Amino acid sequence: MEKKTGLKRLINATKYSFKGFKSAIKYETAFRQELLSLIVAYIVVMLIDFTIYERILLLGSIGVVMIVELINSAIECVVDRIGSERHELSGRAKDYGSAAVFLSLLLTVILWIYLFSCHFFP
C-alpha cells in the first residue's frame, strides 16, 4: 500500500481530526463540559477589558485542558480496548491520564484566579 504524502495526507489528517472532535463530543462528557466552559469563558473574557496577552492566556489555558482531556480519553480507549480484566499497568495508565487532566485544570484555575485578581484588585 502506497503511503499518502503532501496535500492528500493533509486532507486525510484533517478528516481524522474532525472525526476525533465529533467522537469526543458524542462520547466524552468531560470534553463537552470543557467545550461549554471554553464558550462561556470566551464571552466573559471578551466582555472584560483584558489585554490580548491575558485573553490568550485565559482562553489558551482552557484549550490546554481540552487537549489533555483528548489525550486522556485516547489512553482510556486504548486500555479499554485491550481488555476488561483489571491490571495494575492499565489502572496506572488511566490514573496518569486523569492526573494530567487534574494538573491542567489546576493550572487553569490558578491562572484565572491570578489574572482576575490582578485585573480587579490591582
N, C-alpha and C. Protein backbone atom coordinates (compact mmCIF):
# COMPACT_ATOMS: atom_id res chain seq x y z
N MET A 1 0.84 -1.18 0.00
CA MET A 1 0.00 0.00 0.00
C MET A 1 0.89 1.25 0.00
N GLU A 2 0.59 2.15 -0.89
CA GLU A 2 1.38 3.37 -1.02
C GLU A 2 0.96 4.37 0.06
N LYS A 3 1.97 4.97 0.71
CA LYS A 3 1.71 5.96 1.75
C LYS A 3 1.32 7.28 1.12
N LYS A 4 0.31 7.91 1.69
CA LYS A 4 -0.13 9.20 1.18
C LYS A 4 0.83 10.29 1.67
N THR A 5 1.13 11.22 0.79
CA THR A 5 2.01 12.33 1.15
C THR A 5 1.40 13.63 0.63
N GLY A 6 1.97 14.73 1.06
CA GLY A 6 1.57 16.03 0.55
C GLY A 6 0.15 16.43 0.91
N LEU A 7 -0.53 17.00 -0.05
CA LEU A 7 -1.86 17.55 0.17
C LEU A 7 -2.86 16.46 0.55
N LYS A 8 -2.78 15.30 -0.07
CA LYS A 8 -3.70 14.20 0.23
C LYS A 8 -3.58 13.77 1.69
N ARG A 9 -2.35 13.71 2.19
CA ARG A 9 -2.12 13.36 3.59
C ARG A 9 -2.71 14.42 4.51
N LEU A 10 -2.52 15.69 4.17
CA LEU A 10 -3.06 16.78 4.97
C LEU A 10 -4.58 16.75 5.01
N ILE A 11 -5.19 16.48 3.87
CA ILE A 11 -6.66 16.39 3.80
C ILE A 11 -7.15 15.24 4.68
N ASN A 12 -6.50 14.08 4.57
CA ASN A 12 -6.90 12.93 5.38
C ASN A 12 -6.71 13.20 6.87
N ALA A 13 -5.59 13.81 7.23
CA ALA A 13 -5.32 14.13 8.63
C ALA A 13 -6.40 15.06 9.18
N THR A 14 -6.82 16.03 8.37
CA THR A 14 -7.87 16.95 8.79
C THR A 14 -9.19 16.21 8.99
N LYS A 15 -9.51 15.30 8.09
CA LYS A 15 -10.73 14.49 8.22
C LYS A 15 -10.70 13.68 9.51
N TYR A 16 -9.55 13.05 9.80
CA TYR A 16 -9.43 12.25 11.03
C TYR A 16 -9.56 13.13 12.27
N SER A 17 -9.02 14.33 12.20
CA SER A 17 -9.13 15.25 13.34
C SER A 17 -10.58 15.61 13.61
N PHE A 18 -11.32 15.95 12.56
CA PHE A 18 -12.73 16.29 12.74
C PHE A 18 -13.53 15.09 13.21
N LYS A 19 -13.16 13.91 12.75
CA LYS A 19 -13.80 12.68 13.21
C LYS A 19 -13.55 12.51 14.71
N GLY A 20 -12.33 12.83 15.15
CA GLY A 20 -11.99 12.77 16.57
C GLY A 20 -12.79 13.77 17.40
N PHE A 21 -12.92 15.01 16.90
CA PHE A 21 -13.73 16.01 17.60
C PHE A 21 -15.17 15.55 17.73
N LYS A 22 -15.72 15.05 16.64
CA LYS A 22 -17.11 14.59 16.63
C LYS A 22 -17.30 13.45 17.64
N SER A 23 -16.36 12.52 17.66
CA SER A 23 -16.43 11.40 18.60
C SER A 23 -16.32 11.88 20.04
N ALA A 24 -15.40 12.81 20.30
CA ALA A 24 -15.22 13.33 21.66
C ALA A 24 -16.48 14.04 22.14
N ILE A 25 -17.10 14.81 21.26
CA ILE A 25 -18.33 15.50 21.63
C ILE A 25 -19.45 14.49 21.90
N LYS A 26 -19.50 13.45 21.12
CA LYS A 26 -20.56 12.44 21.26
C LYS A 26 -20.38 11.57 22.50
N TYR A 27 -19.14 11.14 22.78
CA TYR A 27 -18.92 10.12 23.81
C TYR A 27 -18.28 10.61 25.10
N GLU A 28 -17.68 11.78 25.11
CA GLU A 28 -16.93 12.23 26.28
C GLU A 28 -17.61 13.41 26.97
N THR A 29 -18.26 13.12 28.09
CA THR A 29 -18.97 14.16 28.85
C THR A 29 -18.02 15.27 29.29
N ALA A 30 -16.85 14.89 29.79
CA ALA A 30 -15.89 15.90 30.26
C ALA A 30 -15.48 16.83 29.13
N PHE A 31 -15.30 16.30 27.94
CA PHE A 31 -14.92 17.14 26.80
C PHE A 31 -16.05 18.11 26.46
N ARG A 32 -17.29 17.64 26.50
CA ARG A 32 -18.44 18.54 26.24
C ARG A 32 -18.49 19.65 27.28
N GLN A 33 -18.23 19.30 28.54
CA GLN A 33 -18.24 20.32 29.60
C GLN A 33 -17.12 21.34 29.39
N GLU A 34 -15.96 20.87 28.97
CA GLU A 34 -14.84 21.78 28.73
C GLU A 34 -15.10 22.66 27.51
N LEU A 35 -15.74 22.10 26.50
CA LEU A 35 -16.10 22.90 25.33
C LEU A 35 -17.09 23.99 25.71
N LEU A 36 -18.06 23.65 26.52
CA LEU A 36 -19.02 24.64 27.01
C LEU A 36 -18.31 25.70 27.86
N SER A 37 -17.39 25.28 28.70
CA SER A 37 -16.66 26.25 29.53
C SER A 37 -15.81 27.17 28.66
N LEU A 38 -15.26 26.65 27.55
CA LEU A 38 -14.50 27.49 26.63
C LEU A 38 -15.39 28.55 25.99
N ILE A 39 -16.59 28.17 25.61
CA ILE A 39 -17.53 29.12 25.00
C ILE A 39 -17.92 30.21 26.01
N VAL A 40 -18.26 29.79 27.24
CA VAL A 40 -18.62 30.76 28.28
C VAL A 40 -17.42 31.65 28.61
N ALA A 41 -16.24 31.04 28.72
CA ALA A 41 -15.03 31.80 29.03
C ALA A 41 -14.74 32.82 27.94
N TYR A 42 -14.93 32.43 26.68
CA TYR A 42 -14.70 33.36 25.57
C TYR A 42 -15.58 34.60 25.72
N ILE A 43 -16.84 34.38 26.04
CA ILE A 43 -17.78 35.50 26.20
C ILE A 43 -17.33 36.39 27.36
N VAL A 44 -17.01 35.78 28.50
CA VAL A 44 -16.59 36.54 29.68
C VAL A 44 -15.31 37.33 29.39
N VAL A 45 -14.34 36.67 28.78
CA VAL A 45 -13.05 37.31 28.52
C VAL A 45 -13.20 38.46 27.53
N MET A 46 -14.10 38.33 26.58
CA MET A 46 -14.30 39.41 25.61
C MET A 46 -15.09 40.58 26.20
N LEU A 47 -15.87 40.33 27.23
CA LEU A 47 -16.65 41.40 27.85
C LEU A 47 -15.83 42.23 28.84
N ILE A 48 -14.74 41.67 29.33
CA ILE A 48 -13.89 42.36 30.30
C ILE A 48 -12.66 42.90 29.56
N ASP A 49 -12.18 44.04 30.03
CA ASP A 49 -11.08 44.73 29.35
C ASP A 49 -9.72 44.11 29.68
N PHE A 50 -9.51 42.88 29.21
CA PHE A 50 -8.21 42.23 29.36
C PHE A 50 -7.32 42.61 28.18
N THR A 51 -6.03 42.52 28.39
CA THR A 51 -5.12 42.73 27.26
C THR A 51 -5.19 41.49 26.36
N ILE A 52 -4.67 41.62 25.17
CA ILE A 52 -4.67 40.49 24.24
C ILE A 52 -3.88 39.32 24.82
N TYR A 53 -2.80 39.61 25.53
CA TYR A 53 -1.98 38.56 26.13
C TYR A 53 -2.73 37.84 27.25
N GLU A 54 -3.46 38.60 28.06
CA GLU A 54 -4.27 37.99 29.11
C GLU A 54 -5.36 37.12 28.51
N ARG A 55 -5.97 37.60 27.45
CA ARG A 55 -7.01 36.81 26.77
C ARG A 55 -6.43 35.50 26.22
N ILE A 56 -5.27 35.59 25.62
CA ILE A 56 -4.62 34.39 25.08
C ILE A 56 -4.33 33.40 26.20
N LEU A 57 -3.82 33.89 27.32
CA LEU A 57 -3.53 33.00 28.46
C LEU A 57 -4.79 32.38 29.02
N LEU A 58 -5.83 33.18 29.21
CA LEU A 58 -7.06 32.68 29.81
C LEU A 58 -7.74 31.64 28.91
N LEU A 59 -7.89 31.95 27.65
CA LEU A 59 -8.55 31.02 26.74
C LEU A 59 -7.63 29.85 26.38
N GLY A 60 -6.35 30.14 26.24
CA GLY A 60 -5.40 29.07 25.94
C GLY A 60 -5.31 28.04 27.04
N SER A 61 -5.46 28.47 28.28
CA SER A 61 -5.40 27.53 29.39
C SER A 61 -6.54 26.51 29.30
N ILE A 62 -7.70 26.96 28.90
CA ILE A 62 -8.83 26.03 28.72
C ILE A 62 -8.57 25.13 27.51
N GLY A 63 -7.97 25.69 26.48
CA GLY A 63 -7.59 24.88 25.33
C GLY A 63 -6.63 23.77 25.72
N VAL A 64 -5.68 24.07 26.61
CA VAL A 64 -4.75 23.05 27.09
C VAL A 64 -5.51 21.94 27.83
N VAL A 65 -6.47 22.32 28.65
CA VAL A 65 -7.28 21.32 29.36
C VAL A 65 -7.98 20.41 28.36
N MET A 66 -8.52 20.98 27.29
CA MET A 66 -9.23 20.18 26.29
C MET A 66 -8.26 19.24 25.57
N ILE A 67 -7.07 19.71 25.28
CA ILE A 67 -6.06 18.86 24.63
C ILE A 67 -5.69 17.69 25.54
N VAL A 68 -5.43 17.98 26.80
CA VAL A 68 -5.06 16.93 27.75
C VAL A 68 -6.23 15.96 27.92
N GLU A 69 -7.44 16.47 27.94
CA GLU A 69 -8.63 15.61 28.05
C GLU A 69 -8.72 14.65 26.86
N LEU A 70 -8.45 15.14 25.67
CA LEU A 70 -8.47 14.27 24.49
C LEU A 70 -7.40 13.18 24.60
N ILE A 71 -6.22 13.53 25.06
CA ILE A 71 -5.16 12.54 25.24
C ILE A 71 -5.56 11.52 26.30
N ASN A 72 -6.13 11.99 27.41
CA ASN A 72 -6.60 11.09 28.46
C ASN A 72 -7.68 10.15 27.93
N SER A 73 -8.60 10.67 27.15
CA SER A 73 -9.66 9.84 26.58
C SER A 73 -9.07 8.79 25.63
N ALA A 74 -8.06 9.18 24.87
CA ALA A 74 -7.41 8.23 23.97
C ALA A 74 -6.75 7.10 24.76
N ILE A 75 -6.08 7.45 25.85
CA ILE A 75 -5.46 6.43 26.71
C ILE A 75 -6.52 5.48 27.24
N GLU A 76 -7.63 6.03 27.73
CA GLU A 76 -8.70 5.20 28.27
C GLU A 76 -9.28 4.27 27.21
N CYS A 77 -9.46 4.79 26.00
CA CYS A 77 -9.98 3.95 24.91
C CYS A 77 -9.05 2.79 24.60
N VAL A 78 -7.77 3.07 24.53
CA VAL A 78 -6.80 2.01 24.22
C VAL A 78 -6.77 0.97 25.33
N VAL A 79 -6.74 1.42 26.59
CA VAL A 79 -6.72 0.49 27.72
C VAL A 79 -7.99 -0.36 27.72
N ASP A 80 -9.14 0.27 27.51
CA ASP A 80 -10.40 -0.48 27.49
C ASP A 80 -10.46 -1.45 26.32
N ARG A 81 -9.84 -1.11 25.21
CA ARG A 81 -9.83 -1.97 24.02
C ARG A 81 -8.99 -3.22 24.26
N ILE A 82 -7.91 -3.06 25.03
CA ILE A 82 -7.00 -4.19 25.29
C ILE A 82 -7.72 -5.29 26.06
N GLY A 83 -8.55 -4.92 27.01
CA GLY A 83 -9.26 -5.93 27.77
C GLY A 83 -9.98 -5.35 28.97
N SER A 84 -10.94 -6.10 29.47
CA SER A 84 -11.74 -5.61 30.59
C SER A 84 -11.22 -6.08 31.94
N GLU A 85 -10.26 -7.04 31.93
CA GLU A 85 -9.73 -7.52 33.20
C GLU A 85 -8.87 -6.43 33.84
N ARG A 86 -8.86 -6.45 35.16
CA ARG A 86 -8.08 -5.46 35.89
C ARG A 86 -6.60 -5.81 35.83
N HIS A 87 -5.80 -4.80 35.53
CA HIS A 87 -4.35 -4.97 35.52
C HIS A 87 -3.74 -3.71 36.09
N GLU A 88 -2.71 -3.87 36.90
CA GLU A 88 -2.09 -2.73 37.56
C GLU A 88 -1.61 -1.67 36.57
N LEU A 89 -0.99 -2.10 35.48
CA LEU A 89 -0.49 -1.13 34.50
C LEU A 89 -1.61 -0.39 33.80
N SER A 90 -2.71 -1.08 33.52
CA SER A 90 -3.86 -0.41 32.91
C SER A 90 -4.42 0.65 33.85
N GLY A 91 -4.51 0.28 35.12
CA GLY A 91 -5.00 1.23 36.12
C GLY A 91 -4.09 2.44 36.25
N ARG A 92 -2.78 2.18 36.24
CA ARG A 92 -1.84 3.29 36.34
C ARG A 92 -1.92 4.20 35.12
N ALA A 93 -2.05 3.61 33.94
CA ALA A 93 -2.15 4.42 32.72
C ALA A 93 -3.36 5.35 32.80
N LYS A 94 -4.49 4.81 33.23
CA LYS A 94 -5.69 5.64 33.37
C LYS A 94 -5.51 6.69 34.46
N ASP A 95 -4.90 6.32 35.56
CA ASP A 95 -4.66 7.26 36.66
C ASP A 95 -3.71 8.39 36.23
N TYR A 96 -2.68 8.06 35.45
CA TYR A 96 -1.75 9.08 34.97
C TYR A 96 -2.48 10.07 34.06
N GLY A 97 -3.33 9.54 33.19
CA GLY A 97 -4.11 10.42 32.32
C GLY A 97 -5.02 11.34 33.12
N SER A 98 -5.66 10.76 34.12
CA SER A 98 -6.54 11.55 34.98
C SER A 98 -5.75 12.61 35.75
N ALA A 99 -4.58 12.24 36.22
CA ALA A 99 -3.74 13.20 36.94
C ALA A 99 -3.31 14.34 36.02
N ALA A 100 -3.03 14.03 34.77
CA ALA A 100 -2.66 15.07 33.80
C ALA A 100 -3.80 16.05 33.59
N VAL A 101 -5.03 15.53 33.49
CA VAL A 101 -6.19 16.41 33.35
C VAL A 101 -6.33 17.28 34.60
N PHE A 102 -6.19 16.66 35.78
CA PHE A 102 -6.30 17.40 37.02
C PHE A 102 -5.27 18.53 37.09
N LEU A 103 -4.02 18.25 36.73
CA LEU A 103 -2.99 19.29 36.77
C LEU A 103 -3.28 20.41 35.79
N SER A 104 -3.78 20.07 34.60
CA SER A 104 -4.11 21.12 33.63
C SER A 104 -5.27 21.98 34.14
N LEU A 105 -6.24 21.35 34.80
CA LEU A 105 -7.35 22.10 35.39
C LEU A 105 -6.86 22.99 36.53
N LEU A 106 -5.98 22.46 37.37
CA LEU A 106 -5.43 23.23 38.49
C LEU A 106 -4.66 24.44 37.97
N LEU A 107 -3.84 24.23 36.96
CA LEU A 107 -3.11 25.33 36.34
C LEU A 107 -4.06 26.39 35.81
N THR A 108 -5.13 25.95 35.16
CA THR A 108 -6.12 26.88 34.61
C THR A 108 -6.80 27.69 35.71
N VAL A 109 -7.21 27.02 36.77
CA VAL A 109 -7.88 27.71 37.88
C VAL A 109 -6.94 28.74 38.51
N ILE A 110 -5.70 28.35 38.76
CA ILE A 110 -4.73 29.28 39.35
C ILE A 110 -4.51 30.48 38.44
N LEU A 111 -4.35 30.23 37.15
CA LEU A 111 -4.15 31.31 36.19
C LEU A 111 -5.34 32.26 36.16
N TRP A 112 -6.54 31.70 36.12
CA TRP A 112 -7.75 32.53 36.09
C TRP A 112 -7.88 33.36 37.37
N ILE A 113 -7.66 32.75 38.51
CA ILE A 113 -7.74 33.48 39.78
C ILE A 113 -6.71 34.61 39.81
N TYR A 114 -5.50 34.29 39.41
CA TYR A 114 -4.43 35.29 39.42
C TYR A 114 -4.74 36.46 38.50
N LEU A 115 -5.10 36.18 37.25
CA LEU A 115 -5.34 37.27 36.30
C LEU A 115 -6.58 38.08 36.66
N PHE A 116 -7.62 37.42 37.14
CA PHE A 116 -8.81 38.18 37.55
C PHE A 116 -8.51 39.03 38.78
N SER A 117 -7.76 38.48 39.73
CA SER A 117 -7.44 39.27 40.94
C SER A 117 -6.53 40.44 40.58
N CYS A 118 -5.59 40.24 39.68
CA CYS A 118 -4.74 41.36 39.24
C CYS A 118 -5.55 42.41 38.51
N HIS A 119 -6.55 41.99 37.77
CA HIS A 119 -7.36 42.91 36.99
C HIS A 119 -8.33 43.71 37.86
N PHE A 120 -8.97 43.03 38.83
CA PHE A 120 -10.00 43.69 39.63
C PHE A 120 -9.47 44.22 40.97
N PHE A 121 -8.35 43.72 41.46
CA PHE A 121 -7.79 44.17 42.71
C PHE A 121 -6.31 44.48 42.54
N PRO A 122 -5.99 45.53 41.78
CA PRO A 122 -4.59 45.83 41.47
C PRO A 122 -3.75 46.24 42.65
